[in-house]
Amino acid sequence: MSITDSDKKYEKLLAITNKGFKAFLYDCDGTLADNMQAHKEAYVKVASTYGIELDAAIIDELAGWPTVVVTQEISNRYQVPFDAAKFADEKSTVFYNEYISETQPIDFVAQHLLNHVGKVKIGVVSGGSRRTVQRTLETLGLWDKIEVLVGSGDTKLGKPYPDPFLLAAEQLGVNPGDCLVFEDGAAGVEAAIAAGMQWVRIDHI
């Protein structure tokens, strides 16, 4: 059987992560779930209802930020006043209703999580709403494999602040220094560093 690109990435990831960590903390969108394009389309669709022709590159730029913070930044940059929380809810609803059921995994990361169930503590730390992240994980068959979910609103400050990762570590009963964070965005890496955790960018493997 031929070795796939995903297999090679998994082996590289394993070499990085197999170092005695007690907890693995995974981001969801763009890390476990191959769904960033769908999120972009949901943002663009909702923005159009506010008369905004949104450049979806902003979503890559702000990857990992809580949804409501992203929507506030959209309001600021396009100089269109709106209720950021309402926009965020509308975006989450569009994504949930129109895109989420088609979510596919980023195979080598999802497999890494599955292969470590029962071996280390496992949490998911996301800037998305709990409802959306839970449904995404259910779609991927990962929801019942994790022990902790920290989503948008669970801490006063989200990524790039350390609060979400520190809350996950506390809930898992693991010291921050014994946690490894899996991320695909700068905000998540900044948050991990601020929390005193080691990290890996899965999109750089």
N, C-alpha and C. Protein backbone atom coordinates (compact mmCIF):
# COMPACT_ATOMS: atom_id res chain seq x y z
N MET A 1 0.85 -1.20 0.00
CA MET A 1 0.00 0.00 0.00
C MET A 1 0.88 1.24 0.00
N SER A 2 0.58 2.18 -0.88
CA SER A 2 1.40 3.38 -1.00
C SER A 2 1.19 4.30 0.20
N ILE A 3 2.22 5.05 0.54
CA ILE A 3 2.15 6.00 1.64
C ILE A 3 1.61 7.32 1.09
N THR A 4 0.53 7.80 1.69
CA THR A 4 -0.10 9.03 1.22
C THR A 4 0.56 10.24 1.85
N ASP A 5 0.23 11.42 1.29
CA ASP A 5 0.73 12.67 1.85
C ASP A 5 0.23 12.84 3.28
N SER A 6 -1.02 12.41 3.52
CA SER A 6 -1.58 12.50 4.87
C SER A 6 -0.80 11.62 5.84
N ASP A 7 -0.42 10.44 5.38
CA ASP A 7 0.38 9.53 6.22
C ASP A 7 1.71 10.17 6.59
N LYS A 8 2.34 10.80 5.62
CA LYS A 8 3.63 11.45 5.87
C LYS A 8 3.48 12.59 6.88
N LYS A 9 2.41 13.37 6.72
CA LYS A 9 2.17 14.46 7.66
C LYS A 9 1.88 13.92 9.06
N TYR A 10 1.16 12.81 9.12
CA TYR A 10 0.86 12.22 10.43
C TYR A 10 2.16 11.81 11.13
N GLU A 11 3.06 11.19 10.40
CA GLU A 11 4.33 10.75 10.99
C GLU A 11 5.15 11.95 11.46
N LYS A 12 5.14 13.02 10.69
CA LYS A 12 5.85 14.24 11.11
C LYS A 12 5.23 14.81 12.37
N LEU A 13 3.89 14.84 12.39
CA LEU A 13 3.19 15.36 13.56
C LEU A 13 3.47 14.51 14.79
N LEU A 14 3.48 13.21 14.62
CA LEU A 14 3.74 12.29 15.72
C LEU A 14 5.13 12.52 16.30
N ALA A 15 6.10 12.76 15.44
CA ALA A 15 7.48 13.00 15.91
C ALA A 15 7.56 14.26 16.76
N ILE A 16 6.74 15.25 16.42
CA ILE A 16 6.73 16.51 17.17
C ILE A 16 6.02 16.35 18.51
N THR A 17 4.97 15.55 18.51
CA THR A 17 4.07 15.52 19.67
C THR A 17 4.38 14.41 20.67
N ASN A 18 5.17 13.44 20.27
CA ASN A 18 5.43 12.27 21.12
C ASN A 18 6.55 12.58 22.12
N LYS A 19 6.26 13.52 23.03
CA LYS A 19 7.31 13.99 23.94
C LYS A 19 6.81 14.11 25.38
N GLY A 20 5.88 13.25 25.75
CA GLY A 20 5.47 13.18 27.14
C GLY A 20 4.46 14.22 27.59
N PHE A 21 3.75 14.84 26.66
CA PHE A 21 2.72 15.80 27.05
C PHE A 21 1.56 15.08 27.74
N LYS A 22 0.89 15.79 28.66
CA LYS A 22 -0.23 15.20 29.38
C LYS A 22 -1.58 15.59 28.78
N ALA A 23 -1.58 16.63 27.96
CA ALA A 23 -2.82 17.06 27.33
C ALA A 23 -2.55 17.62 25.95
N PHE A 24 -3.45 17.32 25.02
CA PHE A 24 -3.42 17.89 23.68
C PHE A 24 -4.65 18.78 23.53
N LEU A 25 -4.43 20.03 23.12
CA LEU A 25 -5.51 20.99 22.93
C LEU A 25 -5.57 21.38 21.46
N TYR A 26 -6.63 20.97 20.80
CA TYR A 26 -6.78 21.19 19.36
C TYR A 26 -7.72 22.36 19.07
N ASP A 27 -7.30 23.22 18.15
CA ASP A 27 -8.25 24.14 17.56
C ASP A 27 -9.20 23.30 16.70
N CYS A 28 -10.34 23.87 16.32
CA CYS A 28 -11.29 23.11 15.50
C CYS A 28 -11.19 23.50 14.02
N ASP A 29 -11.67 24.70 13.69
CA ASP A 29 -11.76 25.10 12.28
C ASP A 29 -10.38 25.32 11.69
N GLY A 30 -10.10 24.59 10.62
CA GLY A 30 -8.81 24.71 9.96
C GLY A 30 -7.72 23.84 10.57
N THR A 31 -8.04 23.19 11.69
CA THR A 31 -7.07 22.30 12.34
C THR A 31 -7.60 20.87 12.34
N LEU A 32 -8.73 20.64 12.96
CA LEU A 32 -9.39 19.34 12.88
C LEU A 32 -10.33 19.27 11.68
N ALA A 33 -10.95 20.40 11.38
CA ALA A 33 -11.97 20.45 10.32
C ALA A 33 -11.48 21.25 9.11
N ASP A 34 -11.64 20.66 7.94
CA ASP A 34 -11.25 21.32 6.70
C ASP A 34 -12.43 22.16 6.22
N ASN A 35 -12.68 23.27 6.91
CA ASN A 35 -13.92 24.01 6.68
C ASN A 35 -13.74 25.52 6.57
N MET A 36 -12.50 25.98 6.40
CA MET A 36 -12.30 27.43 6.38
C MET A 36 -12.97 28.10 5.18
N GLN A 37 -12.99 27.42 4.04
CA GLN A 37 -13.65 27.99 2.87
C GLN A 37 -15.15 28.17 3.13
N ALA A 38 -15.74 27.21 3.81
CA ALA A 38 -17.17 27.31 4.13
C ALA A 38 -17.42 28.47 5.09
N HIS A 39 -16.54 28.64 6.07
CA HIS A 39 -16.69 29.78 6.97
C HIS A 39 -16.59 31.10 6.21
N LYS A 40 -15.65 31.18 5.29
CA LYS A 40 -15.50 32.40 4.50
C LYS A 40 -16.77 32.69 3.72
N GLU A 41 -17.34 31.66 3.09
CA GLU A 41 -18.54 31.86 2.29
C GLU A 41 -19.70 32.33 3.16
N ALA A 42 -19.77 31.82 4.40
CA ALA A 42 -20.83 32.25 5.31
C ALA A 42 -20.65 33.72 5.70
N TYR A 43 -19.42 34.12 5.98
CA TYR A 43 -19.15 35.52 6.29
C TYR A 43 -19.53 36.42 5.10
N VAL A 44 -19.12 36.03 3.90
CA VAL A 44 -19.38 36.83 2.70
C VAL A 44 -20.88 36.96 2.47
N LYS A 45 -21.61 35.85 2.65
CA LYS A 45 -23.05 35.86 2.43
C LYS A 45 -23.76 36.82 3.38
N VAL A 46 -23.38 36.77 4.67
CA VAL A 46 -24.02 37.65 5.65
C VAL A 46 -23.60 39.11 5.41
N ALA A 47 -22.32 39.31 5.11
CA ALA A 47 -21.84 40.68 4.87
C ALA A 47 -22.60 41.34 3.73
N SER A 48 -22.96 40.56 2.72
CA SER A 48 -23.68 41.13 1.57
C SER A 48 -25.03 41.69 1.98
N THR A 49 -25.63 41.14 3.03
CA THR A 49 -26.93 41.65 3.49
C THR A 49 -26.78 43.00 4.17
N TYR A 50 -25.54 43.36 4.52
CA TYR A 50 -25.25 44.68 5.10
C TYR A 50 -24.64 45.63 4.07
N GLY A 51 -24.67 45.20 2.81
CA GLY A 51 -24.13 46.04 1.74
C GLY A 51 -22.62 46.03 1.66
N ILE A 52 -22.02 45.00 2.23
CA ILE A 52 -20.55 44.90 2.25
C ILE A 52 -20.11 43.82 1.27
N GLU A 53 -19.21 44.19 0.35
CA GLU A 53 -18.59 43.21 -0.54
C GLU A 53 -17.29 42.77 0.14
N LEU A 54 -17.39 41.73 0.95
CA LEU A 54 -16.31 41.34 1.85
C LEU A 54 -15.19 40.61 1.12
N ASP A 55 -13.96 41.07 1.36
CA ASP A 55 -12.78 40.34 0.90
C ASP A 55 -12.51 39.25 1.94
N ALA A 56 -12.69 38.00 1.54
CA ALA A 56 -12.62 36.90 2.49
C ALA A 56 -11.22 36.69 3.06
N ALA A 57 -10.22 37.37 2.51
CA ALA A 57 -8.86 37.25 3.05
C ALA A 57 -8.79 37.69 4.51
N ILE A 58 -9.72 38.54 4.91
CA ILE A 58 -9.73 38.99 6.30
C ILE A 58 -9.96 37.82 7.26
N ILE A 59 -10.67 36.79 6.80
CA ILE A 59 -10.95 35.64 7.65
C ILE A 59 -9.68 34.84 7.90
N ASP A 60 -8.83 34.73 6.88
CA ASP A 60 -7.53 34.09 7.07
C ASP A 60 -6.66 34.91 8.01
N GLU A 61 -6.69 36.20 7.82
CA GLU A 61 -5.88 37.10 8.63
C GLU A 61 -6.23 36.99 10.12
N LEU A 62 -7.52 36.86 10.39
CA LEU A 62 -8.00 36.85 11.77
C LEU A 62 -8.34 35.45 12.26
N ALA A 63 -7.79 34.43 11.61
CA ALA A 63 -8.08 33.04 11.98
C ALA A 63 -7.85 32.81 13.47
N GLY A 64 -8.85 32.24 14.11
CA GLY A 64 -8.75 31.93 15.53
C GLY A 64 -9.42 32.94 16.43
N TRP A 65 -9.65 34.15 15.92
CA TRP A 65 -10.33 35.16 16.73
C TRP A 65 -11.78 34.75 16.97
N PRO A 66 -12.36 35.12 18.11
CA PRO A 66 -13.79 34.86 18.32
C PRO A 66 -14.61 35.51 17.22
N THR A 67 -15.67 34.84 16.81
CA THR A 67 -16.48 35.31 15.70
C THR A 67 -16.95 36.74 15.89
N VAL A 68 -17.40 37.08 17.08
CA VAL A 68 -17.93 38.43 17.31
C VAL A 68 -16.83 39.48 17.20
N VAL A 69 -15.60 39.13 17.49
CA VAL A 69 -14.49 40.07 17.35
C VAL A 69 -14.16 40.26 15.86
N VAL A 70 -14.25 39.17 15.09
CA VAL A 70 -14.05 39.26 13.64
C VAL A 70 -15.11 40.17 13.03
N THR A 71 -16.36 40.00 13.44
CA THR A 71 -17.43 40.82 12.86
C THR A 71 -17.27 42.29 13.23
N GLN A 72 -16.80 42.55 14.43
CA GLN A 72 -16.54 43.94 14.82
C GLN A 72 -15.44 44.55 13.97
N GLU A 73 -14.41 43.75 13.67
CA GLU A 73 -13.32 44.23 12.83
C GLU A 73 -13.81 44.50 11.41
N ILE A 74 -14.73 43.67 10.92
CA ILE A 74 -15.32 43.92 9.61
C ILE A 74 -16.05 45.26 9.61
N SER A 75 -16.81 45.51 10.66
CA SER A 75 -17.52 46.78 10.78
C SER A 75 -16.55 47.95 10.77
N ASN A 76 -15.46 47.81 11.51
CA ASN A 76 -14.48 48.89 11.59
C ASN A 76 -13.80 49.15 10.25
N ARG A 77 -13.38 48.10 9.59
CA ARG A 77 -12.61 48.28 8.35
C ARG A 77 -13.46 48.79 7.20
N TYR A 78 -14.70 48.31 7.14
CA TYR A 78 -15.56 48.73 6.04
C TYR A 78 -16.39 49.96 6.39
N GLN A 79 -16.20 50.42 7.62
CA GLN A 79 -16.90 51.63 8.11
C GLN A 79 -18.40 51.53 7.90
N VAL A 80 -18.92 50.35 8.24
CA VAL A 80 -20.36 50.12 8.20
C VAL A 80 -20.79 49.73 9.61
N PRO A 81 -21.54 50.59 10.27
CA PRO A 81 -21.96 50.27 11.64
C PRO A 81 -23.04 49.20 11.66
N PHE A 82 -22.85 48.21 12.50
CA PHE A 82 -23.88 47.20 12.73
C PHE A 82 -23.62 46.55 14.08
N ASP A 83 -24.59 45.79 14.54
CA ASP A 83 -24.47 45.06 15.81
C ASP A 83 -23.60 43.83 15.56
N ALA A 84 -22.37 43.86 16.09
CA ALA A 84 -21.42 42.77 15.81
C ALA A 84 -21.93 41.43 16.31
N ALA A 85 -22.59 41.43 17.46
CA ALA A 85 -23.11 40.18 18.02
C ALA A 85 -24.22 39.60 17.12
N LYS A 86 -25.07 40.49 16.58
CA LYS A 86 -26.14 40.04 15.68
C LYS A 86 -25.54 39.47 14.39
N PHE A 87 -24.56 40.15 13.82
CA PHE A 87 -23.87 39.66 12.61
C PHE A 87 -23.26 38.29 12.91
N ALA A 88 -22.60 38.16 14.06
CA ALA A 88 -21.96 36.90 14.42
C ALA A 88 -22.99 35.77 14.52
N ASP A 89 -24.13 36.06 15.12
CA ASP A 89 -25.19 35.04 15.23
C ASP A 89 -25.72 34.65 13.86
N GLU A 90 -25.89 35.65 12.98
CA GLU A 90 -26.38 35.37 11.64
C GLU A 90 -25.38 34.53 10.85
N LYS A 91 -24.10 34.87 10.99
CA LYS A 91 -23.06 34.10 10.30
C LYS A 91 -23.04 32.66 10.80
N SER A 92 -23.11 32.48 12.12
CA SER A 92 -23.10 31.13 12.69
C SER A 92 -24.30 30.32 12.23
N THR A 93 -25.46 30.99 12.12
CA THR A 93 -26.67 30.30 11.68
C THR A 93 -26.56 29.87 10.22
N VAL A 94 -26.04 30.75 9.37
CA VAL A 94 -25.85 30.40 7.96
C VAL A 94 -24.88 29.21 7.84
N PHE A 95 -23.77 29.28 8.57
CA PHE A 95 -22.80 28.18 8.51
C PHE A 95 -23.43 26.89 9.01
N TYR A 96 -24.15 26.97 10.13
CA TYR A 96 -24.75 25.79 10.75
C TYR A 96 -25.78 25.15 9.82
N ASN A 97 -26.60 25.97 9.21
CA ASN A 97 -27.71 25.45 8.41
C ASN A 97 -27.31 25.03 7.00
N GLU A 98 -26.31 25.72 6.42
CA GLU A 98 -26.02 25.51 5.01
C GLU A 98 -24.72 24.76 4.70
N TYR A 99 -23.80 24.75 5.65
CA TYR A 99 -22.47 24.21 5.34
C TYR A 99 -21.99 23.08 6.26
N ILE A 100 -22.43 23.09 7.50
CA ILE A 100 -21.77 22.27 8.51
C ILE A 100 -21.88 20.77 8.24
N SER A 101 -22.98 20.34 7.64
CA SER A 101 -23.19 18.90 7.42
C SER A 101 -22.21 18.31 6.41
N GLU A 102 -21.56 19.19 5.63
CA GLU A 102 -20.62 18.72 4.61
C GLU A 102 -19.17 18.76 5.10
N THR A 103 -18.97 19.07 6.37
CA THR A 103 -17.62 19.24 6.90
C THR A 103 -16.81 17.95 6.79
N GLN A 104 -15.59 18.10 6.30
CA GLN A 104 -14.65 16.98 6.20
C GLN A 104 -13.49 17.21 7.17
N PRO A 105 -12.86 16.13 7.63
CA PRO A 105 -11.73 16.30 8.55
C PRO A 105 -10.44 16.65 7.83
N ILE A 106 -9.52 17.26 8.55
CA ILE A 106 -8.13 17.28 8.12
C ILE A 106 -7.57 15.98 8.67
N ASP A 107 -7.43 15.02 7.77
CA ASP A 107 -7.28 13.62 8.16
C ASP A 107 -6.16 13.36 9.16
N PHE A 108 -4.98 13.91 8.91
CA PHE A 108 -3.85 13.53 9.75
C PHE A 108 -3.98 14.09 11.16
N VAL A 109 -4.68 15.21 11.31
CA VAL A 109 -4.88 15.79 12.64
C VAL A 109 -6.00 15.04 13.37
N ALA A 110 -7.10 14.78 12.66
CA ALA A 110 -8.20 14.03 13.27
C ALA A 110 -7.72 12.64 13.69
N GLN A 111 -6.90 12.01 12.86
CA GLN A 111 -6.38 10.69 13.20
C GLN A 111 -5.46 10.76 14.42
N HIS A 112 -4.70 11.84 14.51
CA HIS A 112 -3.83 12.03 15.67
C HIS A 112 -4.66 12.10 16.95
N LEU A 113 -5.75 12.85 16.90
CA LEU A 113 -6.63 12.92 18.07
C LEU A 113 -7.17 11.53 18.42
N LEU A 114 -7.71 10.85 17.42
CA LEU A 114 -8.30 9.53 17.67
C LEU A 114 -7.30 8.54 18.25
N ASN A 115 -6.07 8.62 17.78
CA ASN A 115 -5.06 7.66 18.22
C ASN A 115 -4.53 7.95 19.62
N HIS A 116 -4.91 9.09 20.18
CA HIS A 116 -4.43 9.43 21.51
C HIS A 116 -5.53 9.45 22.56
N VAL A 117 -6.73 9.04 22.18
CA VAL A 117 -7.82 8.93 23.15
C VAL A 117 -7.44 7.92 24.22
N GLY A 118 -7.55 8.33 25.47
CA GLY A 118 -7.21 7.44 26.58
C GLY A 118 -5.75 7.44 26.96
N LYS A 119 -4.92 8.09 26.13
CA LYS A 119 -3.48 8.14 26.40
C LYS A 119 -3.08 9.49 27.01
N VAL A 120 -3.73 10.55 26.55
CA VAL A 120 -3.53 11.89 27.11
C VAL A 120 -4.91 12.53 27.25
N LYS A 121 -4.98 13.61 28.02
CA LYS A 121 -6.22 14.38 28.10
C LYS A 121 -6.40 15.14 26.79
N ILE A 122 -7.64 15.25 26.34
CA ILE A 122 -7.90 15.87 25.04
C ILE A 122 -8.97 16.95 25.18
N GLY A 123 -8.64 18.14 24.68
CA GLY A 123 -9.59 19.24 24.67
C GLY A 123 -9.60 19.93 23.31
N VAL A 124 -10.68 20.64 23.04
CA VAL A 124 -10.79 21.47 21.85
C VAL A 124 -11.02 22.91 22.31
N VAL A 125 -10.24 23.82 21.76
CA VAL A 125 -10.30 25.23 22.14
C VAL A 125 -10.50 26.04 20.86
N SER A 126 -11.65 26.67 20.74
CA SER A 126 -12.02 27.32 19.49
C SER A 126 -12.58 28.71 19.72
N GLY A 127 -12.47 29.56 18.69
CA GLY A 127 -13.09 30.87 18.72
C GLY A 127 -14.53 30.84 18.24
N GLY A 128 -14.99 29.66 17.84
CA GLY A 128 -16.37 29.52 17.37
C GLY A 128 -17.34 29.30 18.53
N SER A 129 -18.63 29.42 18.23
CA SER A 129 -19.65 29.19 19.26
C SER A 129 -19.67 27.72 19.64
N ARG A 130 -20.06 27.45 20.88
CA ARG A 130 -20.10 26.06 21.35
C ARG A 130 -21.03 25.22 20.47
N ARG A 131 -22.19 25.77 20.10
CA ARG A 131 -23.14 25.01 19.28
C ARG A 131 -22.51 24.59 17.96
N THR A 132 -21.84 25.54 17.30
CA THR A 132 -21.25 25.25 16.00
C THR A 132 -20.09 24.28 16.11
N VAL A 133 -19.23 24.48 17.11
CA VAL A 133 -18.07 23.60 17.26
C VAL A 133 -18.52 22.19 17.64
N GLN A 134 -19.49 22.08 18.55
CA GLN A 134 -19.98 20.76 18.92
C GLN A 134 -20.54 20.03 17.71
N ARG A 135 -21.35 20.73 16.90
CA ARG A 135 -21.94 20.09 15.71
C ARG A 135 -20.87 19.69 14.71
N THR A 136 -19.83 20.53 14.58
CA THR A 136 -18.72 20.19 13.69
C THR A 136 -18.03 18.92 14.16
N LEU A 137 -17.76 18.83 15.44
CA LEU A 137 -17.10 17.65 15.99
C LEU A 137 -17.98 16.41 15.88
N GLU A 138 -19.28 16.59 16.05
CA GLU A 138 -20.21 15.46 15.86
C GLU A 138 -20.15 14.96 14.42
N THR A 139 -20.14 15.90 13.48
CA THR A 139 -20.09 15.55 12.06
C THR A 139 -18.82 14.76 11.74
N LEU A 140 -17.72 15.12 12.42
CA LEU A 140 -16.43 14.46 12.18
C LEU A 140 -16.28 13.17 13.00
N GLY A 141 -17.24 12.88 13.86
CA GLY A 141 -17.14 11.68 14.70
C GLY A 141 -16.15 11.83 15.85
N LEU A 142 -15.93 13.08 16.29
CA LEU A 142 -14.93 13.34 17.33
C LEU A 142 -15.53 13.84 18.64
N TRP A 143 -16.82 14.18 18.64
CA TRP A 143 -17.40 14.83 19.82
C TRP A 143 -17.27 13.97 21.08
N ASP A 144 -17.52 12.68 20.96
CA ASP A 144 -17.47 11.83 22.15
C ASP A 144 -16.05 11.39 22.51
N LYS A 145 -15.08 11.92 21.78
CA LYS A 145 -13.68 11.55 22.06
C LYS A 145 -12.95 12.62 22.87
N ILE A 146 -13.57 13.79 23.01
CA ILE A 146 -12.89 14.87 23.72
C ILE A 146 -13.44 15.00 25.14
N GLU A 147 -12.64 15.58 26.02
CA GLU A 147 -13.03 15.71 27.42
C GLU A 147 -13.48 17.13 27.78
N VAL A 148 -12.98 18.12 27.04
CA VAL A 148 -13.28 19.52 27.33
C VAL A 148 -13.44 20.28 26.02
N LEU A 149 -14.45 21.16 25.99
CA LEU A 149 -14.59 22.11 24.88
C LEU A 149 -14.65 23.51 25.46
N VAL A 150 -13.77 24.38 24.99
CA VAL A 150 -13.82 25.80 25.32
C VAL A 150 -14.12 26.55 24.03
N GLY A 151 -15.23 27.26 24.02
CA GLY A 151 -15.63 28.00 22.82
C GLY A 151 -15.78 29.48 23.10
N SER A 152 -16.23 30.20 22.08
CA SER A 152 -16.42 31.63 22.20
C SER A 152 -17.41 31.93 23.33
N GLY A 153 -17.05 32.86 24.18
CA GLY A 153 -17.92 33.24 25.28
C GLY A 153 -17.65 32.51 26.57
N ASP A 154 -16.86 31.45 26.53
CA ASP A 154 -16.54 30.72 27.76
C ASP A 154 -15.52 31.46 28.60
N THR A 155 -14.78 32.36 27.98
CA THR A 155 -13.86 33.24 28.70
C THR A 155 -14.13 34.67 28.23
N LYS A 156 -13.83 35.62 29.08
CA LYS A 156 -14.08 37.02 28.73
C LYS A 156 -13.24 37.43 27.53
N LEU A 157 -12.00 36.96 27.50
CA LEU A 157 -11.09 37.25 26.39
C LEU A 157 -10.80 35.97 25.63
N GLY A 158 -10.87 36.05 24.30
CA GLY A 158 -10.55 34.90 23.47
C GLY A 158 -9.14 35.00 22.92
N LYS A 159 -8.78 34.07 22.04
CA LYS A 159 -7.50 34.15 21.35
C LYS A 159 -7.39 35.52 20.67
N PRO A 160 -6.26 36.19 20.69
CA PRO A 160 -4.91 35.74 21.02
C PRO A 160 -4.54 35.81 22.50
N TYR A 161 -5.50 36.04 23.38
CA TYR A 161 -5.22 36.03 24.81
C TYR A 161 -5.17 34.57 25.30
N PRO A 162 -4.46 34.31 26.40
CA PRO A 162 -4.27 32.93 26.84
C PRO A 162 -5.47 32.31 27.54
N ASP A 163 -6.46 33.11 27.87
CA ASP A 163 -7.56 32.66 28.73
C ASP A 163 -8.23 31.36 28.30
N PRO A 164 -8.57 31.17 27.00
CA PRO A 164 -9.24 29.92 26.63
C PRO A 164 -8.38 28.68 26.88
N PHE A 165 -7.10 28.76 26.57
CA PHE A 165 -6.22 27.62 26.79
C PHE A 165 -6.01 27.35 28.28
N LEU A 166 -5.90 28.41 29.06
CA LEU A 166 -5.72 28.24 30.50
C LEU A 166 -6.96 27.61 31.13
N LEU A 167 -8.15 28.00 30.65
CA LEU A 167 -9.38 27.40 31.15
C LEU A 167 -9.43 25.92 30.80
N ALA A 168 -9.06 25.57 29.58
CA ALA A 168 -9.07 24.16 29.18
C ALA A 168 -8.12 23.34 30.04
N ALA A 169 -6.92 23.88 30.28
CA ALA A 169 -5.95 23.16 31.12
C ALA A 169 -6.48 22.98 32.53
N GLU A 170 -7.11 24.03 33.06
CA GLU A 170 -7.69 23.95 34.41
C GLU A 170 -8.78 22.89 34.47
N GLN A 171 -9.65 22.87 33.46
CA GLN A 171 -10.74 21.90 33.45
C GLN A 171 -10.24 20.47 33.29
N LEU A 172 -9.12 20.32 32.61
CA LEU A 172 -8.52 18.99 32.43
C LEU A 172 -7.64 18.58 33.62
N GLY A 173 -7.33 19.54 34.50
CA GLY A 173 -6.48 19.24 35.64
C GLY A 173 -5.02 19.04 35.25
N VAL A 174 -4.56 19.78 34.24
CA VAL A 174 -3.20 19.63 33.73
C VAL A 174 -2.50 20.99 33.79
N ASN A 175 -1.24 21.00 34.18
CA ASN A 175 -0.47 22.24 34.18
C ASN A 175 -0.29 22.74 32.75
N PRO A 176 -0.34 24.06 32.54
CA PRO A 176 -0.17 24.60 31.18
C PRO A 176 1.09 24.11 30.49
N GLY A 177 2.19 23.99 31.23
CA GLY A 177 3.44 23.55 30.63
C GLY A 177 3.43 22.12 30.14
N ASP A 178 2.42 21.34 30.53
CA ASP A 178 2.30 19.94 30.09
C ASP A 178 1.31 19.79 28.94
N CYS A 179 0.86 20.93 28.38
CA CYS A 179 -0.11 20.91 27.28
C CYS A 179 0.58 21.25 25.96
N LEU A 180 0.13 20.61 24.89
CA LEU A 180 0.57 20.94 23.54
C LEU A 180 -0.64 21.41 22.75
N VAL A 181 -0.50 22.54 22.09
CA VAL A 181 -1.58 23.17 21.33
C VAL A 181 -1.39 22.91 19.83
N PHE A 182 -2.47 22.56 19.16
CA PHE A 182 -2.49 22.32 17.71
C PHE A 182 -3.28 23.46 17.08
N GLU A 183 -2.64 24.21 16.19
CA GLU A 183 -3.25 25.41 15.65
C GLU A 183 -2.97 25.56 14.16
N ASP A 184 -3.75 26.46 13.53
CA ASP A 184 -3.49 26.82 12.13
C ASP A 184 -3.47 28.32 11.94
N GLY A 185 -3.49 29.09 13.04
CA GLY A 185 -3.53 30.54 12.92
C GLY A 185 -2.65 31.24 13.92
N ALA A 186 -2.25 32.46 13.58
CA ALA A 186 -1.34 33.23 14.42
C ALA A 186 -1.95 33.55 15.78
N ALA A 187 -3.25 33.84 15.81
CA ALA A 187 -3.89 34.19 17.08
C ALA A 187 -3.81 33.04 18.08
N GLY A 188 -4.01 31.83 17.59
CA GLY A 188 -3.94 30.67 18.46
C GLY A 188 -2.54 30.43 18.98
N VAL A 189 -1.55 30.64 18.13
CA VAL A 189 -0.15 30.47 18.56
C VAL A 189 0.20 31.52 19.61
N GLU A 190 -0.21 32.76 19.38
CA GLU A 190 0.04 33.82 20.37
C GLU A 190 -0.59 33.45 21.71
N ALA A 191 -1.80 32.93 21.66
CA ALA A 191 -2.50 32.55 22.88
C ALA A 191 -1.78 31.40 23.60
N ALA A 192 -1.31 30.43 22.83
CA ALA A 192 -0.59 29.30 23.43
C ALA A 192 0.69 29.75 24.11
N ILE A 193 1.44 30.62 23.42
CA ILE A 193 2.69 31.14 24.00
C ILE A 193 2.40 31.90 25.28
N ALA A 194 1.37 32.75 25.24
CA ALA A 194 1.00 33.53 26.42
C ALA A 194 0.56 32.64 27.57
N ALA A 195 0.02 31.46 27.25
CA ALA A 195 -0.43 30.52 28.28
C ALA A 195 0.71 29.66 28.80
N GLY A 196 1.89 29.79 28.21
CA GLY A 196 3.03 28.98 28.63
C GLY A 196 2.99 27.57 28.10
N MET A 197 2.36 27.40 26.96
CA MET A 197 2.22 26.08 26.35
C MET A 197 3.05 25.97 25.08
N GLN A 198 3.48 24.77 24.76
CA GLN A 198 4.12 24.52 23.48
C GLN A 198 3.03 24.36 22.41
N TRP A 199 3.44 24.51 21.15
CA TRP A 199 2.45 24.54 20.10
C TRP A 199 3.02 23.98 18.80
N VAL A 200 2.11 23.64 17.89
CA VAL A 200 2.50 23.20 16.56
C VAL A 200 1.49 23.79 15.56
N ARG A 201 2.01 24.35 14.46
CA ARG A 201 1.15 24.84 13.37
C ARG A 201 0.96 23.70 12.39
N ILE A 202 -0.24 23.15 12.34
CA ILE A 202 -0.47 21.97 11.50
C ILE A 202 -0.41 22.32 10.02
N ASP A 203 -0.65 23.60 9.70
CA ASP A 203 -0.61 24.00 8.30
C ASP A 203 0.82 24.20 7.80
N HIS A 204 1.80 24.08 8.70
CA HIS A 204 3.20 24.19 8.30
C HIS A 204 3.90 22.83 8.22
N ILE A 205 3.13 21.78 8.40
CA ILE A 205 3.72 20.42 8.34
C ILE A 205 3.66 19.90 6.92
